[in-house]
Amino acid sequence: LIANKLTISYFPVPGVIFCLQIFASVAFIVAARSVGLLSADRLTGSNVKVFIPYICSFVLSLYSNGRALANSNVETVIVFRSCSPLLVSVLDWLCLGRELPSPRSGLALAGVAAGAIGYVLVDSEFAVRGVRAYFWVSLNLAGIVFEMTYGKRLISRVSFDAPVWGAVLYTNALSLVPMFCMAAAAGEVGRVDPAGAPPMGLACLALSCVIGIGISWSGWNCRAKISATAYTLLGVVCKFFSILLNVAIWDKHATRAGL
């Protein structure tokens, strides 16, 4: 999240950035597979059909995350995402047959949601722009909730010889064209200026591509082992470290009351 925020601060074209990250992931998997370093399933029509709903939510959540980072601070994105475990736990119960959280766990998740409401009440963006300030983060939240729930169902329905790298390849290969279309529709492609790219910006972009590969692998690996709710909650817990890092490296963060 911090790497993406840094990269977008240098290149305010999130869709193009995500296209490069996705392409880097696909290129890495194909190259490593060709020399025998890893195994990843090839694309088949039957598996592609099952992946389509997930790809739609993945592209939506990823692009809206980039637009949210471009227009808001990191804490705003994290606060809204922190509400996702509560919503995913309900879908986990409705769609995947999992148990609802215990009263103690439910109270903890509700406390997180209450904290999000408190953040909104002290956020200067909300005071100036109202609910319009949260369009992209709300869209991101909706995409993540569906992505987390359907992703868990997906990993148990698709037959892969290499489940983790196969899922990573499918996700990135199938999302590249839709993401490019979204970037082109937003007019981002015409705003790219490779000649004027600062070295530090390119370094941040390269770092974000490497991190993206690692997150893709670890995400699908973890998703196969735990419930959708637990996986979503784990992602939120990791964001606390993002908040600390964000506060440490620059001043583009929430107010003291928001923190």
C-alpha atoms as a PDB file:
ATOM      1  CA  LEU A   1       0.000   0.000   0.000  1.00  0.00           C
ATOM      2  CA  ILE A   2       2.789   2.437   0.896  1.00  0.00           C
ATOM      3  CA  ALA A   3       4.776   1.452  -2.203  1.00  0.00           C
ATOM      4  CA  ASN A   4       1.731   2.144  -4.368  1.00  0.00           C
ATOM      5  CA  LYS A   5       1.097   5.472  -2.654  1.00  0.00           C
ATOM      6  CA  LEU A   6       4.709   6.508  -3.238  1.00  0.00           C
ATOM      7  CA  THR A   7       4.600   5.418  -6.877  1.00  0.00           C
ATOM      8  CA  ILE A   8       1.305   7.198  -7.526  1.00  0.00           C
ATOM      9  CA  SER A   9       2.710  10.374  -5.958  1.00  0.00           C
ATOM     10  CA  TYR A  10       5.362  10.370  -8.722  1.00  0.00           C
ATOM     11  CA  PHE A  11       3.104   9.052 -11.491  1.00  0.00           C
ATOM     12  CA  PRO A  12      -0.564  10.032 -10.954  1.00  0.00           C
ATOM     13  CA  VAL A  13      -1.793   7.360 -13.373  1.00  0.00           C
ATOM     14  CA  PRO A  14      -2.835   4.441 -11.138  1.00  0.00           C
ATOM     15  CA  GLY A  15      -4.343   2.362 -13.926  1.00  0.00           C
ATOM     16  CA  VAL A  16      -1.124   2.447 -15.949  1.00  0.00           C
ATOM     17  CA  ILE A  17       0.919   1.618 -12.849  1.00  0.00           C
ATOM     18  CA  PHE A  18      -1.249  -1.399 -12.112  1.00  0.00           C
ATOM     19  CA  CYS A  19      -0.945  -2.537 -15.737  1.00  0.00           C
ATOM     20  CA  LEU A  20       2.840  -2.518 -15.371  1.00  0.00           C
ATOM     21  CA  GLN A  21       2.648  -4.413 -12.082  1.00  0.00           C
ATOM     22  CA  ILE A  22       0.302  -7.004 -13.566  1.00  0.00           C
ATOM     23  CA  PHE A  23       2.494  -7.396 -16.635  1.00  0.00           C
ATOM     24  CA  ALA A  24       5.559  -7.841 -14.409  1.00  0.00           C
ATOM     25  CA  SER A  25       3.807 -10.640 -12.504  1.00  0.00           C
ATOM     26  CA  VAL A  26       2.783 -12.440 -15.700  1.00  0.00           C
ATOM     27  CA  ALA A  27       6.258 -12.037 -17.230  1.00  0.00           C
ATOM     28  CA  PHE A  28       7.916 -13.375 -14.070  1.00  0.00           C
ATOM     29  CA  ILE A  29       5.686 -16.464 -13.920  1.00  0.00           C
ATOM     30  CA  VAL A  30       6.026 -17.260 -17.624  1.00  0.00           C
ATOM     31  CA  ALA A  31       9.809 -16.802 -17.544  1.00  0.00           C
ATOM     32  CA  ALA A  32      10.250 -18.835 -14.346  1.00  0.00           C
ATOM     33  CA  ARG A  33       7.985 -21.579 -15.681  1.00  0.00           C
ATOM     34  CA  SER A  34       9.923 -21.765 -18.943  1.00  0.00           C
ATOM     35  CA  VAL A  35      13.181 -22.508 -17.102  1.00  0.00           C
ATOM     36  CA  GLY A  36      11.586 -24.903 -14.626  1.00  0.00           C
ATOM     37  CA  LEU A  37      11.781 -22.715 -11.512  1.00  0.00           C
ATOM     38  CA  LEU A  38       8.060 -23.022 -10.819  1.00  0.00           C
ATOM     39  CA  SER A  39       4.944 -24.734 -12.104  1.00  0.00           C
ATOM     40  CA  ALA A  40       1.843 -22.805 -13.174  1.00  0.00           C
ATOM     41  CA  ASP A  41      -1.233 -24.116 -14.968  1.00  0.00           C
ATOM     42  CA  ARG A  42      -1.907 -22.927 -18.486  1.00  0.00           C
ATOM     43  CA  LEU A  43      -5.105 -21.064 -19.334  1.00  0.00           C
ATOM     44  CA  THR A  44      -8.098 -23.222 -20.215  1.00  0.00           C
ATOM     45  CA  GLY A  45     -11.556 -22.118 -21.293  1.00  0.00           C
ATOM     46  CA  SER A  46     -13.385 -23.842 -18.433  1.00  0.00           C
ATOM     47  CA  ASN A  47     -11.217 -22.287 -15.736  1.00  0.00           C
ATOM     48  CA  VAL A  48     -11.301 -18.859 -17.386  1.00  0.00           C
ATOM     49  CA  LYS A  49     -15.119 -18.848 -17.212  1.00  0.00           C
ATOM     50  CA  VAL A  50     -15.033 -19.550 -13.474  1.00  0.00           C
ATOM     51  CA  PHE A  51     -12.465 -16.787 -12.953  1.00  0.00           C
ATOM     52  CA  ILE A  52     -14.404 -14.040 -14.790  1.00  0.00           C
ATOM     53  CA  PRO A  53     -16.475 -12.799 -11.785  1.00  0.00           C
ATOM     54  CA  TYR A  54     -13.335 -12.740  -9.645  1.00  0.00           C
ATOM     55  CA  ILE A  55     -11.393 -10.826 -12.300  1.00  0.00           C
ATOM     56  CA  CYS A  56     -14.149  -8.204 -12.513  1.00  0.00           C
ATOM     57  CA  SER A  57     -14.041  -7.619  -8.748  1.00  0.00           C
ATOM     58  CA  PHE A  58     -10.236  -7.743  -8.679  1.00  0.00           C
ATOM     59  CA  VAL A  59      -9.881  -5.075 -11.371  1.00  0.00           C
ATOM     60  CA  LEU A  60     -12.564  -2.942  -9.732  1.00  0.00           C
ATOM     61  CA  SER A  61     -11.004  -3.127  -6.264  1.00  0.00           C
ATOM     62  CA  LEU A  62      -7.458  -2.613  -7.551  1.00  0.00           C
ATOM     63  CA  TYR A  63      -8.278   0.379  -9.750  1.00  0.00           C
ATOM     64  CA  SER A  64     -10.510   2.015  -7.137  1.00  0.00           C
ATOM     65  CA  ASN A  65      -7.732   1.476  -4.595  1.00  0.00           C
ATOM     66  CA  GLY A  66      -5.341   3.383  -6.849  1.00  0.00           C
ATOM     67  CA  ARG A  67      -7.796   6.211  -7.392  1.00  0.00           C
ATOM     68  CA  ALA A  68      -8.451   6.354  -3.655  1.00  0.00           C
ATOM     69  CA  LEU A  69      -4.717   6.558  -2.923  1.00  0.00           C
ATOM     70  CA  ALA A  70      -4.384   9.331  -5.505  1.00  0.00           C
ATOM     71  CA  ASN A  71      -7.173  11.364  -3.906  1.00  0.00           C
ATOM     72  CA  SER A  72      -6.952  10.433  -0.217  1.00  0.00           C
ATOM     73  CA  ASN A  73      -4.357   9.555   2.386  1.00  0.00           C
ATOM     74  CA  VAL A  74      -3.380   5.993   3.244  1.00  0.00           C
ATOM     75  CA  GLU A  75      -5.292   6.010   6.532  1.00  0.00           C
ATOM     76  CA  THR A  76      -8.609   6.744   4.797  1.00  0.00           C
ATOM     77  CA  VAL A  77      -8.161   3.698   2.555  1.00  0.00           C
ATOM     78  CA  ILE A  78      -7.203   1.512   5.511  1.00  0.00           C
ATOM     79  CA  VAL A  79     -10.081   2.701   7.678  1.00  0.00           C
ATOM     80  CA  PHE A  80     -12.652   1.760   5.067  1.00  0.00           C
ATOM     81  CA  ARG A  81     -10.955  -1.553   4.400  1.00  0.00           C
ATOM     82  CA  SER A  82     -11.031  -2.323   8.115  1.00  0.00           C
ATOM     83  CA  CYS A  83     -14.806  -2.652   7.802  1.00  0.00           C
ATOM     84  CA  SER A  84     -14.450  -5.492   5.287  1.00  0.00           C
ATOM     85  CA  PRO A  85     -14.028  -8.395   7.789  1.00  0.00           C
ATOM     86  CA  LEU A  86     -17.436  -7.648   9.312  1.00  0.00           C
ATOM     87  CA  LEU A  87     -19.100  -7.709   5.881  1.00  0.00           C
ATOM     88  CA  VAL A  88     -17.128 -10.739   4.681  1.00  0.00           C
ATOM     89  CA  SER A  89     -18.060 -12.688   7.823  1.00  0.00           C
ATOM     90  CA  VAL A  90     -21.744 -12.341   6.893  1.00  0.00           C
ATOM     91  CA  LEU A  91     -21.109 -13.451   3.293  1.00  0.00           C
ATOM     92  CA  ASP A  92     -18.902 -16.254   4.627  1.00  0.00           C
ATOM     93  CA  TRP A  93     -21.946 -17.504   6.522  1.00  0.00           C
ATOM     94  CA  LEU A  94     -24.459 -16.938   3.728  1.00  0.00           C
ATOM     95  CA  CYS A  95     -22.442 -18.225   0.766  1.00  0.00           C
ATOM     96  CA  LEU A  96     -19.768 -20.552   2.102  1.00  0.00           C
ATOM     97  CA  GLY A  97     -21.525 -22.247   5.012  1.00  0.00           C
ATOM     98  CA  ARG A  98     -19.163 -20.918   7.685  1.00  0.00           C
ATOM     99  CA  GLU A  99     -20.298 -20.080  11.201  1.00  0.00           C
ATOM    100  CA  LEU A 100     -21.033 -16.508  12.145  1.00  0.00           C
ATOM    101  CA  PRO A 101     -18.462 -14.851  14.434  1.00  0.00           C
ATOM    102  CA  SER A 102     -18.923 -15.491  18.140  1.00  0.00           C
ATOM    103  CA  PRO A 103     -20.477 -12.658  20.180  1.00  0.00           C
ATOM    104  CA  ARG A 104     -17.006 -11.667  21.374  1.00  0.00           C
ATOM    105  CA  SER A 105     -15.589 -11.627  17.838  1.00  0.00           C
ATOM    106  CA  GLY A 106     -18.667  -9.854  16.499  1.00  0.00           C
ATOM    107  CA  LEU A 107     -18.288  -7.161  19.144  1.00  0.00           C
ATOM    108  CA  ALA A 108     -14.633  -6.694  18.165  1.00  0.00           C
ATOM    109  CA  LEU A 109     -15.536  -6.355  14.471  1.00  0.00           C
ATOM    110  CA  ALA A 110     -18.311  -3.923  15.352  1.00  0.00           C
ATOM    111  CA  GLY A 111     -15.766  -1.910  17.352  1.00  0.00           C
ATOM    112  CA  VAL A 112     -13.613  -1.611  14.237  1.00  0.00           C
ATOM    113  CA  ALA A 113     -16.619  -0.331  12.291  1.00  0.00           C
ATOM    114  CA  ALA A 114     -17.336   2.180  15.071  1.00  0.00           C
ATOM    115  CA  GLY A 115     -13.740   3.375  14.823  1.00  0.00           C
ATOM    116  CA  ALA A 116     -14.242   3.915  11.094  1.00  0.00           C
ATOM    117  CA  ILE A 117     -17.289   6.061  11.794  1.00  0.00           C
ATOM    118  CA  GLY A 118     -15.275   8.066  14.313  1.00  0.00           C
ATOM    119  CA  TYR A 119     -12.553   8.623  11.717  1.00  0.00           C
ATOM    120  CA  VAL A 120     -15.094   9.950   9.222  1.00  0.00           C
ATOM    121  CA  LEU A 121     -16.435  12.422  11.773  1.00  0.00           C
ATOM    122  CA  VAL A 122     -12.998  14.007  12.300  1.00  0.00           C
ATOM    123  CA  ASP A 123     -11.806  13.777   8.677  1.00  0.00           C
ATOM    124  CA  SER A 124     -11.317  17.176   7.048  1.00  0.00           C
ATOM    125  CA  GLU A 125     -12.141  15.776   3.600  1.00  0.00           C
ATOM    126  CA  PHE A 126     -15.564  14.691   4.833  1.00  0.00           C
ATOM    127  CA  ALA A 127     -16.165  18.118   6.361  1.00  0.00           C
ATOM    128  CA  VAL A 128     -15.380  19.820   3.032  1.00  0.00           C
ATOM    129  CA  ARG A 129     -16.758  17.411   0.417  1.00  0.00           C
ATOM    130  CA  GLY A 130     -19.211  15.229   2.346  1.00  0.00           C
ATOM    131  CA  VAL A 131     -19.854  11.677   1.216  1.00  0.00           C
ATOM    132  CA  ARG A 132     -18.373  12.451  -2.231  1.00  0.00           C
ATOM    133  CA  ALA A 133     -14.944  12.317  -0.590  1.00  0.00           C
ATOM    134  CA  TYR A 134     -15.415   8.573  -0.081  1.00  0.00           C
ATOM    135  CA  PHE A 135     -16.623   7.462  -3.508  1.00  0.00           C
ATOM    136  CA  TRP A 136     -13.474   5.572  -4.505  1.00  0.00           C
ATOM    137  CA  VAL A 137     -12.815   4.047  -1.088  1.00  0.00           C
ATOM    138  CA  SER A 138     -16.445   2.881  -0.888  1.00  0.00           C
ATOM    139  CA  LEU A 139     -16.158   1.307  -4.335  1.00  0.00           C
ATOM    140  CA  ASN A 140     -12.903  -0.300  -3.209  1.00  0.00           C
ATOM    141  CA  LEU A 141     -14.612  -1.728  -0.127  1.00  0.00           C
ATOM    142  CA  ALA A 142     -17.428  -3.241  -2.198  1.00  0.00           C
ATOM    143  CA  GLY A 143     -14.954  -4.822  -4.602  1.00  0.00           C
ATOM    144  CA  ILE A 144     -12.817  -6.258  -1.806  1.00  0.00           C
ATOM    145  CA  VAL A 145     -15.775  -7.797   0.021  1.00  0.00           C
ATOM    146  CA  PHE A 146     -16.895  -9.670  -3.098  1.00  0.00           C
ATOM    147  CA  GLU A 147     -13.320 -10.535  -4.085  1.00  0.00           C
ATOM    148  CA  MET A 148     -12.503 -12.056  -0.703  1.00  0.00           C
ATOM    149  CA  THR A 149     -15.670 -14.133  -0.563  1.00  0.00           C
ATOM    150  CA  TYR A 150     -15.681 -15.343  -4.154  1.00  0.00           C
ATOM    151  CA  GLY A 151     -11.922 -15.916  -4.091  1.00  0.00           C
ATOM    152  CA  LYS A 152     -12.301 -18.436  -1.270  1.00  0.00           C
ATOM    153  CA  ARG A 153     -15.079 -20.212  -3.148  1.00  0.00           C
ATOM    154  CA  LEU A 154     -13.002 -20.126  -6.315  1.00  0.00           C
ATOM    155  CA  ILE A 155      -9.919 -21.783  -4.839  1.00  0.00           C
ATOM    156  CA  SER A 156     -12.048 -24.748  -3.757  1.00  0.00           C
ATOM    157  CA  ARG A 157     -13.833 -25.115  -7.126  1.00  0.00           C
ATOM    158  CA  VAL A 158     -11.032 -24.827  -9.675  1.00  0.00           C
ATOM    159  CA  SER A 159      -8.782 -27.838 -10.228  1.00  0.00           C
ATOM    160  CA  PHE A 160      -5.151 -26.761 -10.585  1.00  0.00           C
ATOM    161  CA  ASP A 161      -1.988 -28.839 -10.707  1.00  0.00           C
ATOM    162  CA  ALA A 162      -0.211 -25.856  -9.125  1.00  0.00           C
ATOM    163  CA  PRO A 163      -2.998 -24.092  -7.169  1.00  0.00           C
ATOM    164  CA  VAL A 164      -1.051 -21.059  -5.937  1.00  0.00           C
ATOM    165  CA  TRP A 165       0.997 -20.066  -8.988  1.00  0.00           C
ATOM    166  CA  GLY A 166      -1.839 -21.171 -11.254  1.00  0.00           C
ATOM    167  CA  ALA A 167      -4.255 -18.820  -9.509  1.00  0.00           C
ATOM    168  CA  VAL A 168      -1.683 -16.004  -9.572  1.00  0.00           C
ATOM    169  CA  LEU A 169      -1.164 -16.436 -13.321  1.00  0.00           C
ATOM    170  CA  TYR A 170      -4.887 -16.551 -14.058  1.00  0.00           C
ATOM    171  CA  THR A 171      -5.583 -13.475 -11.942  1.00  0.00           C
ATOM    172  CA  ASN A 172      -2.896 -11.336 -13.533  1.00  0.00           C
ATOM    173  CA  ALA A 173      -3.133 -12.600 -17.111  1.00  0.00           C
ATOM    174  CA  LEU A 174      -6.910 -12.166 -17.248  1.00  0.00           C
ATOM    175  CA  SER A 175      -6.925  -8.747 -15.556  1.00  0.00           C
ATOM    176  CA  LEU A 176      -4.301  -7.078 -17.763  1.00  0.00           C
ATOM    177  CA  VAL A 177      -6.607  -6.134 -20.658  1.00  0.00           C
ATOM    178  CA  PRO A 178      -9.539  -4.926 -18.464  1.00  0.00           C
ATOM    179  CA  MET A 179      -7.157  -2.819 -16.380  1.00  0.00           C
ATOM    180  CA  PHE A 180      -5.619  -1.271 -19.503  1.00  0.00           C
ATOM    181  CA  CYS A 181      -9.112  -0.474 -20.799  1.00  0.00           C
ATOM    182  CA  MET A 182      -9.970   1.292 -17.539  1.00  0.00           C
ATOM    183  CA  ALA A 183      -6.728   3.274 -17.660  1.00  0.00           C
ATOM    184  CA  ALA A 184      -7.342   4.230 -21.297  1.00  0.00           C
ATOM    185  CA  ALA A 185     -10.954   5.217 -20.588  1.00  0.00           C
ATOM    186  CA  ALA A 186      -9.751   7.501 -17.771  1.00  0.00           C
ATOM    187  CA  GLY A 187      -7.287   9.185 -20.163  1.00  0.00           C
ATOM    188  CA  GLU A 188      -4.241   7.968 -18.251  1.00  0.00           C
ATOM    189  CA  VAL A 189      -2.358   6.521 -21.224  1.00  0.00           C
ATOM    190  CA  GLY A 190      -2.006   9.933 -22.862  1.00  0.00           C
ATOM    191  CA  ARG A 191      -0.592  11.437 -19.665  1.00  0.00           C
ATOM    192  CA  VAL A 192       2.347   9.035 -19.440  1.00  0.00           C
ATOM    193  CA  ASP A 193       5.708  10.748 -20.039  1.00  0.00           C
ATOM    194  CA  PRO A 194       8.525   8.155 -19.861  1.00  0.00           C
ATOM    195  CA  ALA A 195      11.168  10.757 -20.728  1.00  0.00           C
ATOM    196  CA  GLY A 196      10.284  12.872 -17.708  1.00  0.00           C
ATOM    197  CA  ALA A 197      10.183  10.030 -15.199  1.00  0.00           C
ATOM    198  CA  PRO A 198      12.297  10.800 -12.086  1.00  0.00           C
ATOM    199  CA  PRO A 199      14.776   8.080 -11.015  1.00  0.00           C
ATOM    200  CA  MET A 200      13.207   7.829  -7.558  1.00  0.00           C
ATOM    201  CA  GLY A 201       9.787   7.347  -9.125  1.00  0.00           C
ATOM    202  CA  LEU A 202      11.116   4.551 -11.322  1.00  0.00           C
ATOM    203  CA  ALA A 203      12.704   2.927  -8.268  1.00  0.00           C
ATOM    204  CA  CYS A 204       9.371   3.041  -6.426  1.00  0.00           C
ATOM    205  CA  LEU A 205       7.628   1.571  -9.474  1.00  0.00           C
ATOM    206  CA  ALA A 206      10.134  -1.285  -9.702  1.00  0.00           C
ATOM    207  CA  LEU A 207       9.794  -1.957  -5.968  1.00  0.00           C
ATOM    208  CA  SER A 208       5.992  -2.012  -6.235  1.00  0.00           C
ATOM    209  CA  CYS A 209       6.222  -4.582  -9.060  1.00  0.00           C
ATOM    210  CA  VAL A 210       8.401  -6.875  -6.936  1.00  0.00           C
ATOM    211  CA  ILE A 211       6.097  -6.469  -3.939  1.00  0.00           C
ATOM    212  CA  GLY A 212       3.103  -7.149  -6.172  1.00  0.00           C
ATOM    213  CA  ILE A 213       4.497 -10.531  -7.191  1.00  0.00           C
ATOM    214  CA  GLY A 214       5.102 -11.444  -3.552  1.00  0.00           C
ATOM    215  CA  ILE A 215       1.655 -10.313  -2.441  1.00  0.00           C
ATOM    216  CA  SER A 216      -0.035 -12.236  -5.264  1.00  0.00           C
ATOM    217  CA  TRP A 217       1.728 -15.472  -4.283  1.00  0.00           C
ATOM    218  CA  SER A 218       1.292 -15.095  -0.519  1.00  0.00           C
ATOM    219  CA  GLY A 219      -2.322 -13.994  -0.919  1.00  0.00           C
ATOM    220  CA  TRP A 220      -3.454 -17.068  -2.840  1.00  0.00           C
ATOM    221  CA  ASN A 221      -1.318 -19.319  -0.664  1.00  0.00           C
ATOM    222  CA  CYS A 222      -2.907 -17.948   2.493  1.00  0.00           C
ATOM    223  CA  ARG A 223      -6.434 -17.895   1.045  1.00  0.00           C
ATOM    224  CA  ALA A 224      -6.293 -21.652   0.472  1.00  0.00           C
ATOM    225  CA  LYS A 225      -5.503 -22.334   4.136  1.00  0.00           C
ATOM    226  CA  ILE A 226      -7.921 -20.126   6.134  1.00  0.00           C
ATOM    227  CA  SER A 227     -11.473 -18.787   5.907  1.00  0.00           C
ATOM    228  CA  ALA A 228     -12.399 -15.719   3.862  1.00  0.00           C
ATOM    229  CA  THR A 229     -13.078 -13.750   7.050  1.00  0.00           C
ATOM    230  CA  ALA A 230      -9.750 -14.710   8.645  1.00  0.00           C
ATOM    231  CA  TYR A 231      -7.887 -13.861   5.445  1.00  0.00           C
ATOM    232  CA  THR A 232      -9.598 -10.464   5.230  1.00  0.00           C
ATOM    233  CA  LEU A 233      -8.874  -9.742   8.886  1.00  0.00           C
ATOM    234  CA  LEU A 234      -5.224 -10.697   8.416  1.00  0.00           C
ATOM    235  CA  GLY A 235      -4.993  -8.163   5.609  1.00  0.00           C
ATOM    236  CA  VAL A 236      -6.421  -5.456   7.837  1.00  0.00           C
ATOM    237  CA  VAL A 237      -4.005  -6.253  10.674  1.00  0.00           C
ATOM    238  CA  CYS A 238      -1.084  -5.884   8.262  1.00  0.00           C
ATOM    239  CA  LYS A 239      -2.331  -2.397   7.448  1.00  0.00           C
ATOM    240  CA  PHE A 240      -1.528  -1.220  10.988  1.00  0.00           C
ATOM    241  CA  PHE A 241       2.144  -1.515  10.052  1.00  0.00           C
ATOM    242  CA  SER A 242       1.369   0.476   6.918  1.00  0.00           C
ATOM    243  CA  ILE A 243      -0.035   3.270   9.068  1.00  0.00           C
ATOM    244  CA  LEU A 244       3.105   3.376  11.225  1.00  0.00           C
ATOM    245  CA  LEU A 245       5.338   3.421   8.155  1.00  0.00           C
ATOM    246  CA  ASN A 246       3.222   6.073   6.470  1.00  0.00           C
ATOM    247  CA  VAL A 247       3.469   8.359   9.497  1.00  0.00           C
ATOM    248  CA  ALA A 248       7.218   7.789   9.717  1.00  0.00           C
ATOM    249  CA  ILE A 249       8.193   8.563   6.118  1.00  0.00           C
ATOM    250  CA  TRP A 250       6.225  11.748   5.282  1.00  0.00           C
ATOM    251  CA  ASP A 251       3.463  14.158   6.271  1.00  0.00           C
ATOM    252  CA  LYS A 252       0.781  12.868   3.892  1.00  0.00           C
ATOM    253  CA  HIS A 253      -1.284  11.172   6.555  1.00  0.00           C
ATOM    254  CA  ALA A 254      -4.370  11.695   8.676  1.00  0.00           C
ATOM    255  CA  THR A 255      -4.664  14.231  11.460  1.00  0.00           C
ATOM    256  CA  ARG A 256      -3.712  13.311  15.028  1.00  0.00           C
ATOM    257  CA  ALA A 257      -7.394  12.882  15.885  1.00  0.00           C
ATOM    258  CA  GLY A 258      -7.868  10.605  12.875  1.00  0.00           C
ATOM    259  CA  LEU A 259      -4.867   8.486  13.806  1.00  0.00           C
END
